N, C-alpha and C. Protein backbone atom coordinates (compact mmCIF):
# COMPACT_ATOMS: atom_id res chain seq x y z
N MET A 1 -13.05 -8.39 47.64
CA MET A 1 -13.03 -8.94 46.30
C MET A 1 -11.64 -9.51 46.03
N LYS A 2 -11.63 -10.65 45.40
CA LYS A 2 -10.37 -11.34 45.18
C LYS A 2 -9.48 -10.59 44.19
N TRP A 3 -10.07 -10.03 43.15
CA TRP A 3 -9.26 -9.35 42.13
C TRP A 3 -8.58 -8.12 42.71
N MET A 4 -9.24 -7.46 43.66
CA MET A 4 -8.63 -6.28 44.28
C MET A 4 -7.41 -6.69 45.10
N ARG A 5 -7.54 -7.81 45.80
CA ARG A 5 -6.43 -8.31 46.60
C ARG A 5 -5.27 -8.70 45.69
N GLU A 6 -5.59 -9.37 44.58
CA GLU A 6 -4.54 -9.76 43.63
C GLU A 6 -3.87 -8.52 43.04
N ARG A 7 -4.66 -7.51 42.73
CA ARG A 7 -4.12 -6.26 42.19
C ARG A 7 -3.17 -5.62 43.20
N ASP A 8 -3.61 -5.56 44.45
CA ASP A 8 -2.79 -4.95 45.48
C ASP A 8 -1.49 -5.73 45.69
N LEU A 9 -1.57 -7.05 45.63
CA LEU A 9 -0.37 -7.86 45.76
C LEU A 9 0.58 -7.62 44.59
N LEU A 10 0.04 -7.50 43.40
CA LEU A 10 0.87 -7.24 42.22
C LEU A 10 1.56 -5.89 42.34
N ILE A 11 0.83 -4.90 42.81
CA ILE A 11 1.43 -3.57 42.99
C ILE A 11 2.54 -3.64 44.03
N ALA A 12 2.28 -4.36 45.12
CA ALA A 12 3.28 -4.47 46.17
C ALA A 12 4.52 -5.20 45.68
N GLN A 13 4.33 -6.27 44.91
CA GLN A 13 5.47 -7.00 44.37
C GLN A 13 6.26 -6.13 43.41
N THR A 14 5.56 -5.36 42.62
CA THR A 14 6.24 -4.47 41.67
C THR A 14 7.05 -3.42 42.41
N MET A 15 6.46 -2.85 43.44
CA MET A 15 7.18 -1.85 44.24
C MET A 15 8.42 -2.47 44.89
N ALA A 16 8.28 -3.69 45.42
CA ALA A 16 9.42 -4.36 46.05
C ALA A 16 10.50 -4.65 45.01
N PHE A 17 10.10 -5.03 43.83
CA PHE A 17 11.07 -5.30 42.76
C PHE A 17 11.81 -4.03 42.38
N VAL A 18 11.08 -2.94 42.23
CA VAL A 18 11.71 -1.66 41.88
C VAL A 18 12.70 -1.26 42.96
N GLN A 19 12.30 -1.44 44.20
CA GLN A 19 13.18 -1.07 45.31
C GLN A 19 14.43 -1.95 45.32
N SER A 20 14.27 -3.25 45.03
CA SER A 20 15.43 -4.14 45.04
C SER A 20 16.37 -3.86 43.88
N VAL A 21 15.84 -3.44 42.76
CA VAL A 21 16.68 -3.16 41.59
C VAL A 21 17.40 -1.83 41.74
N THR A 22 16.67 -0.81 42.14
CA THR A 22 17.27 0.53 42.22
C THR A 22 17.95 0.79 43.54
N GLY A 23 17.57 0.09 44.57
CA GLY A 23 18.13 0.34 45.89
C GLY A 23 17.51 1.54 46.57
N LYS A 24 16.52 2.12 45.97
CA LYS A 24 15.83 3.28 46.54
C LYS A 24 14.37 2.91 46.75
N PRO A 25 13.71 3.59 47.65
CA PRO A 25 12.27 3.37 47.76
C PRO A 25 11.58 3.94 46.52
N PRO A 26 10.51 3.31 46.07
CA PRO A 26 9.83 3.79 44.87
C PRO A 26 9.32 5.21 45.04
N GLU A 27 9.32 5.97 43.96
CA GLU A 27 8.84 7.35 43.97
C GLU A 27 7.35 7.41 44.27
N ALA A 28 6.62 6.38 43.87
CA ALA A 28 5.17 6.38 44.04
C ALA A 28 4.80 6.44 45.52
N GLU A 29 5.63 5.84 46.37
CA GLU A 29 5.33 5.86 47.80
C GLU A 29 5.35 7.28 48.35
N LYS A 30 6.21 8.12 47.78
CA LYS A 30 6.33 9.48 48.27
C LYS A 30 5.25 10.39 47.72
N THR A 31 4.86 10.15 46.48
CA THR A 31 3.98 11.11 45.81
C THR A 31 2.52 10.71 45.76
N VAL A 32 2.22 9.43 45.75
CA VAL A 32 0.84 8.98 45.61
C VAL A 32 0.13 9.06 46.95
N ALA A 33 -1.07 9.51 46.92
CA ALA A 33 -1.87 9.55 48.15
C ALA A 33 -2.09 8.12 48.62
N THR A 34 -2.27 7.97 49.92
CA THR A 34 -2.38 6.62 50.46
C THR A 34 -3.72 5.98 50.20
N SER A 35 -4.72 6.74 49.88
CA SER A 35 -6.01 6.12 49.59
C SER A 35 -6.45 6.51 48.19
N VAL A 36 -6.90 5.51 47.47
CA VAL A 36 -7.39 5.71 46.11
C VAL A 36 -8.81 5.18 46.07
N THR A 37 -9.74 5.95 45.55
CA THR A 37 -11.11 5.48 45.51
C THR A 37 -11.30 4.56 44.32
N VAL A 38 -12.13 3.52 44.53
CA VAL A 38 -12.43 2.55 43.50
C VAL A 38 -13.88 2.74 43.11
N LEU A 39 -14.17 2.70 41.82
CA LEU A 39 -15.55 2.85 41.37
C LEU A 39 -16.38 1.69 41.90
N SER A 40 -17.59 1.98 42.32
CA SER A 40 -18.44 0.93 42.86
C SER A 40 -18.98 0.07 41.73
N VAL A 41 -19.21 -1.22 42.05
CA VAL A 41 -19.69 -2.16 41.06
C VAL A 41 -21.19 -1.99 40.86
N GLY A 42 -21.92 -1.84 41.91
CA GLY A 42 -23.37 -1.71 41.83
C GLY A 42 -23.82 -0.48 42.59
N PRO A 43 -25.07 -0.06 42.37
CA PRO A 43 -25.54 1.12 43.07
C PRO A 43 -25.68 0.90 44.58
N SER A 44 -25.90 -0.35 45.02
CA SER A 44 -26.09 -0.59 46.44
C SER A 44 -24.77 -0.74 47.19
N GLU A 45 -23.65 -0.95 46.46
CA GLU A 45 -22.36 -1.17 47.11
C GLU A 45 -21.68 0.17 47.38
N PRO A 46 -21.24 0.42 48.59
CA PRO A 46 -20.59 1.71 48.90
C PRO A 46 -19.21 1.79 48.26
N THR A 47 -18.73 3.01 48.14
CA THR A 47 -17.40 3.23 47.57
C THR A 47 -16.35 2.80 48.57
N ARG A 48 -15.36 2.05 48.06
CA ARG A 48 -14.30 1.56 48.93
C ARG A 48 -12.99 2.24 48.55
N SER A 49 -12.11 2.28 49.49
CA SER A 49 -10.79 2.83 49.18
C SER A 49 -9.77 1.71 49.23
N ALA A 50 -8.75 1.84 48.41
CA ALA A 50 -7.69 0.85 48.38
C ALA A 50 -6.83 1.01 49.63
N PRO A 51 -6.23 -0.08 50.09
CA PRO A 51 -5.40 0.02 51.29
C PRO A 51 -4.18 0.89 51.00
N PRO A 52 -3.65 1.58 52.02
CA PRO A 52 -2.47 2.40 51.79
C PRO A 52 -1.28 1.54 51.39
N LEU A 53 -0.32 2.18 50.77
CA LEU A 53 0.84 1.45 50.27
C LEU A 53 1.63 0.80 51.39
N SER A 54 1.60 1.36 52.57
CA SER A 54 2.34 0.77 53.69
C SER A 54 1.74 -0.57 54.10
N ASP A 55 0.44 -0.78 53.83
CA ASP A 55 -0.20 -2.05 54.16
C ASP A 55 0.13 -3.13 53.14
N MET A 56 0.79 -2.78 52.06
CA MET A 56 1.14 -3.78 51.05
C MET A 56 2.09 -4.82 51.63
N GLU A 57 3.01 -4.37 52.47
CA GLU A 57 3.94 -5.31 53.07
C GLU A 57 3.20 -6.30 53.96
N ALA A 58 2.16 -5.84 54.63
CA ALA A 58 1.37 -6.74 55.47
C ALA A 58 0.65 -7.76 54.60
N LEU A 59 0.13 -7.32 53.47
CA LEU A 59 -0.53 -8.24 52.55
C LEU A 59 0.45 -9.27 52.01
N LEU A 60 1.66 -8.82 51.71
CA LEU A 60 2.66 -9.76 51.22
C LEU A 60 3.04 -10.77 52.30
N ALA A 61 3.08 -10.32 53.54
CA ALA A 61 3.44 -11.22 54.63
C ALA A 61 2.36 -12.29 54.84
N GLU A 62 1.10 -11.95 54.55
CA GLU A 62 0.01 -12.91 54.71
C GLU A 62 0.07 -14.00 53.66
N THR A 63 0.58 -13.71 52.51
CA THR A 63 0.62 -14.70 51.43
C THR A 63 1.78 -15.65 51.65
N THR A 64 1.81 -16.71 50.86
CA THR A 64 2.90 -17.66 50.97
C THR A 64 4.17 -17.01 50.47
N PRO A 65 5.27 -17.19 51.17
CA PRO A 65 6.52 -16.55 50.75
C PRO A 65 7.04 -17.19 49.46
N VAL A 66 7.58 -16.36 48.62
CA VAL A 66 8.15 -16.81 47.36
C VAL A 66 9.65 -16.93 47.56
N ALA A 67 10.21 -18.04 47.08
CA ALA A 67 11.65 -18.24 47.23
C ALA A 67 12.38 -17.19 46.40
N LYS A 68 13.34 -16.54 47.05
CA LYS A 68 14.11 -15.51 46.36
C LYS A 68 15.44 -16.09 45.93
N ALA A 69 15.87 -15.71 44.77
CA ALA A 69 17.15 -16.16 44.26
C ALA A 69 18.27 -15.44 45.01
N PRO A 70 19.38 -16.13 45.26
CA PRO A 70 20.48 -15.45 45.93
C PRO A 70 20.99 -14.32 45.05
N ARG A 71 21.26 -13.20 45.70
CA ARG A 71 21.64 -12.02 44.95
C ARG A 71 23.14 -11.81 45.10
N GLU A 72 23.83 -11.79 43.99
CA GLU A 72 25.26 -11.53 44.01
C GLU A 72 25.51 -10.20 43.33
N ALA A 73 26.39 -9.44 43.88
CA ALA A 73 26.72 -8.16 43.26
C ALA A 73 27.68 -8.43 42.10
N PRO A 74 27.31 -8.02 40.90
CA PRO A 74 28.21 -8.26 39.77
C PRO A 74 29.45 -7.40 39.91
N SER A 75 30.61 -8.04 39.76
CA SER A 75 31.85 -7.29 39.90
C SER A 75 32.08 -6.40 38.69
N GLU A 76 31.74 -6.90 37.53
CA GLU A 76 31.92 -6.09 36.33
C GLU A 76 30.86 -6.50 35.32
N ILE A 77 30.28 -5.54 34.70
CA ILE A 77 29.27 -5.83 33.68
C ILE A 77 30.00 -6.15 32.39
N SER A 78 29.77 -7.35 31.90
CA SER A 78 30.44 -7.73 30.65
C SER A 78 29.66 -7.18 29.47
N ARG A 79 30.36 -6.65 28.55
CA ARG A 79 29.75 -6.09 27.34
C ARG A 79 29.96 -7.08 26.21
N PRO A 80 28.91 -7.29 25.41
CA PRO A 80 29.08 -8.22 24.29
C PRO A 80 30.03 -7.62 23.26
N ALA A 81 30.69 -8.51 22.56
CA ALA A 81 31.61 -8.07 21.52
C ALA A 81 30.81 -7.38 20.42
N PRO A 82 31.32 -6.29 19.88
CA PRO A 82 30.57 -5.59 18.83
C PRO A 82 30.44 -6.47 17.60
N VAL A 83 29.25 -6.48 17.06
CA VAL A 83 28.97 -7.29 15.88
C VAL A 83 29.45 -6.51 14.66
N PRO A 84 30.28 -7.13 13.84
CA PRO A 84 30.73 -6.41 12.64
C PRO A 84 29.58 -6.25 11.66
N HIS A 85 29.40 -5.04 11.19
CA HIS A 85 28.34 -4.77 10.23
C HIS A 85 28.81 -5.19 8.85
N PRO A 86 28.04 -6.00 8.17
CA PRO A 86 28.47 -6.43 6.84
C PRO A 86 28.48 -5.25 5.88
N SER A 87 29.45 -5.25 5.03
CA SER A 87 29.57 -4.18 4.04
C SER A 87 28.75 -4.57 2.82
N LEU A 88 27.49 -4.17 2.83
CA LEU A 88 26.59 -4.57 1.75
C LEU A 88 26.09 -3.42 0.90
N PRO A 89 26.68 -2.24 0.93
CA PRO A 89 26.11 -1.18 0.10
C PRO A 89 26.19 -1.52 -1.38
N ASP A 90 27.23 -2.27 -1.77
CA ASP A 90 27.33 -2.63 -3.18
C ASP A 90 26.18 -3.55 -3.58
N ASP A 91 25.82 -4.50 -2.69
CA ASP A 91 24.72 -5.40 -2.99
C ASP A 91 23.40 -4.64 -3.09
N PHE A 92 23.16 -3.75 -2.13
CA PHE A 92 21.92 -2.97 -2.16
C PHE A 92 21.89 -2.06 -3.39
N GLN A 93 23.01 -1.45 -3.66
CA GLN A 93 23.07 -0.53 -4.80
C GLN A 93 22.84 -1.28 -6.10
N SER A 94 23.45 -2.46 -6.25
CA SER A 94 23.26 -3.22 -7.49
C SER A 94 21.82 -3.71 -7.60
N GLU A 95 21.22 -4.10 -6.47
CA GLU A 95 19.82 -4.54 -6.51
C GLU A 95 18.90 -3.39 -6.90
N ILE A 96 19.14 -2.22 -6.34
CA ILE A 96 18.31 -1.05 -6.68
C ILE A 96 18.46 -0.70 -8.15
N LYS A 97 19.71 -0.71 -8.64
CA LYS A 97 19.93 -0.40 -10.06
C LYS A 97 19.23 -1.41 -10.95
N ALA A 98 19.27 -2.69 -10.59
CA ALA A 98 18.61 -3.72 -11.39
C ALA A 98 17.10 -3.51 -11.39
N ARG A 99 16.54 -3.18 -10.24
CA ARG A 99 15.09 -2.95 -10.17
C ARG A 99 14.68 -1.72 -10.97
N VAL A 100 15.48 -0.65 -10.89
CA VAL A 100 15.17 0.56 -11.66
C VAL A 100 15.25 0.27 -13.15
N ALA A 101 16.26 -0.49 -13.58
CA ALA A 101 16.39 -0.83 -14.99
C ALA A 101 15.21 -1.68 -15.45
N SER A 102 14.78 -2.62 -14.62
CA SER A 102 13.63 -3.46 -14.96
C SER A 102 12.36 -2.61 -15.07
N PHE A 103 12.20 -1.67 -14.14
CA PHE A 103 11.02 -0.80 -14.17
C PHE A 103 11.02 0.06 -15.43
N ARG A 104 12.18 0.62 -15.78
CA ARG A 104 12.27 1.45 -16.99
C ARG A 104 11.95 0.63 -18.23
N ALA A 105 12.48 -0.60 -18.30
CA ALA A 105 12.20 -1.45 -19.46
C ALA A 105 10.71 -1.75 -19.56
N HIS A 106 10.08 -2.03 -18.42
CA HIS A 106 8.65 -2.30 -18.41
C HIS A 106 7.86 -1.07 -18.87
N GLN A 107 8.24 0.10 -18.38
CA GLN A 107 7.54 1.33 -18.77
C GLN A 107 7.73 1.62 -20.26
N GLU A 108 8.92 1.40 -20.78
CA GLU A 108 9.16 1.62 -22.21
C GLU A 108 8.32 0.67 -23.05
N ARG A 109 8.26 -0.61 -22.64
CA ARG A 109 7.43 -1.58 -23.37
C ARG A 109 5.96 -1.16 -23.31
N PHE A 110 5.51 -0.74 -22.14
CA PHE A 110 4.12 -0.28 -21.98
C PHE A 110 3.84 0.91 -22.89
N ASN A 111 4.76 1.87 -22.94
CA ASN A 111 4.57 3.05 -23.80
C ASN A 111 4.53 2.66 -25.27
N ARG A 112 5.41 1.72 -25.69
CA ARG A 112 5.39 1.27 -27.10
C ARG A 112 4.07 0.61 -27.44
N GLU A 113 3.58 -0.28 -26.56
CA GLU A 113 2.30 -0.95 -26.82
C GLU A 113 1.15 0.05 -26.86
N ARG A 114 1.17 1.03 -25.98
CA ARG A 114 0.12 2.05 -25.97
C ARG A 114 0.15 2.88 -27.25
N GLU A 115 1.35 3.26 -27.69
CA GLU A 115 1.48 4.03 -28.93
C GLU A 115 1.00 3.20 -30.13
N ALA A 116 1.35 1.91 -30.15
CA ALA A 116 0.93 1.04 -31.25
C ALA A 116 -0.60 0.92 -31.27
N TYR A 117 -1.22 0.74 -30.12
CA TYR A 117 -2.67 0.63 -30.05
C TYR A 117 -3.33 1.94 -30.49
N CYS A 118 -2.79 3.06 -30.02
CA CYS A 118 -3.35 4.36 -30.40
C CYS A 118 -3.21 4.59 -31.90
N THR A 119 -2.05 4.24 -32.46
CA THR A 119 -1.83 4.42 -33.90
C THR A 119 -2.80 3.55 -34.70
N ALA A 120 -2.98 2.29 -34.28
CA ALA A 120 -3.89 1.39 -34.99
C ALA A 120 -5.32 1.90 -34.90
N THR A 121 -5.74 2.35 -33.72
CA THR A 121 -7.11 2.86 -33.55
C THR A 121 -7.33 4.11 -34.39
N MET A 122 -6.37 5.02 -34.40
CA MET A 122 -6.51 6.24 -35.20
C MET A 122 -6.49 5.93 -36.69
N ALA A 123 -5.74 4.92 -37.10
CA ALA A 123 -5.73 4.53 -38.52
C ALA A 123 -7.11 4.02 -38.92
N LYS A 124 -7.75 3.25 -38.04
CA LYS A 124 -9.11 2.77 -38.34
C LYS A 124 -10.08 3.93 -38.44
N VAL A 125 -9.96 4.89 -37.55
CA VAL A 125 -10.85 6.05 -37.56
C VAL A 125 -10.65 6.86 -38.84
N HIS A 126 -9.40 7.10 -39.24
CA HIS A 126 -9.12 7.86 -40.46
C HIS A 126 -9.61 7.11 -41.69
N ALA A 127 -9.46 5.79 -41.71
CA ALA A 127 -9.93 5.01 -42.86
C ALA A 127 -11.44 5.08 -42.96
N ALA A 128 -12.13 5.01 -41.81
CA ALA A 128 -13.59 5.07 -41.83
C ALA A 128 -14.06 6.45 -42.26
N LEU A 129 -13.36 7.50 -41.88
CA LEU A 129 -13.74 8.86 -42.28
C LEU A 129 -13.52 9.08 -43.77
N ARG A 130 -12.46 8.48 -44.33
CA ARG A 130 -12.21 8.62 -45.76
C ARG A 130 -13.29 7.94 -46.59
N GLU A 131 -13.80 6.85 -46.09
CA GLU A 131 -14.83 6.11 -46.82
C GLU A 131 -16.19 6.77 -46.66
N GLY A 132 -16.30 7.70 -45.77
CA GLY A 132 -17.55 8.40 -45.57
C GLY A 132 -18.45 7.78 -44.53
N GLU A 133 -18.01 6.75 -43.94
CA GLU A 133 -18.81 6.12 -42.89
C GLU A 133 -18.44 6.74 -41.54
N HIS A 134 -19.41 6.77 -40.71
CA HIS A 134 -19.13 7.22 -39.35
C HIS A 134 -18.62 6.02 -38.56
N PRO A 135 -17.62 6.22 -37.76
CA PRO A 135 -17.10 5.08 -36.99
C PRO A 135 -18.14 4.58 -35.99
N ALA A 136 -18.17 3.29 -35.83
CA ALA A 136 -19.12 2.70 -34.88
C ALA A 136 -18.65 2.98 -33.47
N ARG A 137 -19.61 3.40 -32.65
CA ARG A 137 -19.27 3.67 -31.25
C ARG A 137 -19.36 2.37 -30.45
N PRO A 138 -18.45 2.20 -29.55
CA PRO A 138 -18.53 0.99 -28.73
C PRO A 138 -19.72 1.06 -27.79
N ALA A 139 -20.36 -0.08 -27.59
CA ALA A 139 -21.52 -0.14 -26.69
C ALA A 139 -21.02 -0.07 -25.25
N LYS A 140 -21.78 0.66 -24.46
CA LYS A 140 -21.39 0.81 -23.06
C LYS A 140 -22.03 -0.25 -22.22
């Protein structure tokens, strides 16, 4: 199957990359068993095992070689200059204070309007009770 071959090549390339970066053989080569069973696609197809990791190099050799970039050992790793953190606590603090003040003003206005509505509604109820009429219930 083509996808299995592509998968195996990808694994082999990844292992080679890890080895080239770390300079050590990958840990998976030491710990992973050399054969891994693959689930069968259909009931008539027998179970196949993946090729051992040592055969990955043979698979890579069969494919077209990929041009490798010349590798130079870096003499010194350059560190980027530290970015100065802007001193913005005053801006954040003033923005938070402004938002809190706006919220409090809105809540106070809301409370005043609610109290005014409640007072007006209760005044209507008291006036209707004094006249002896029962207050009309709102239709649901």
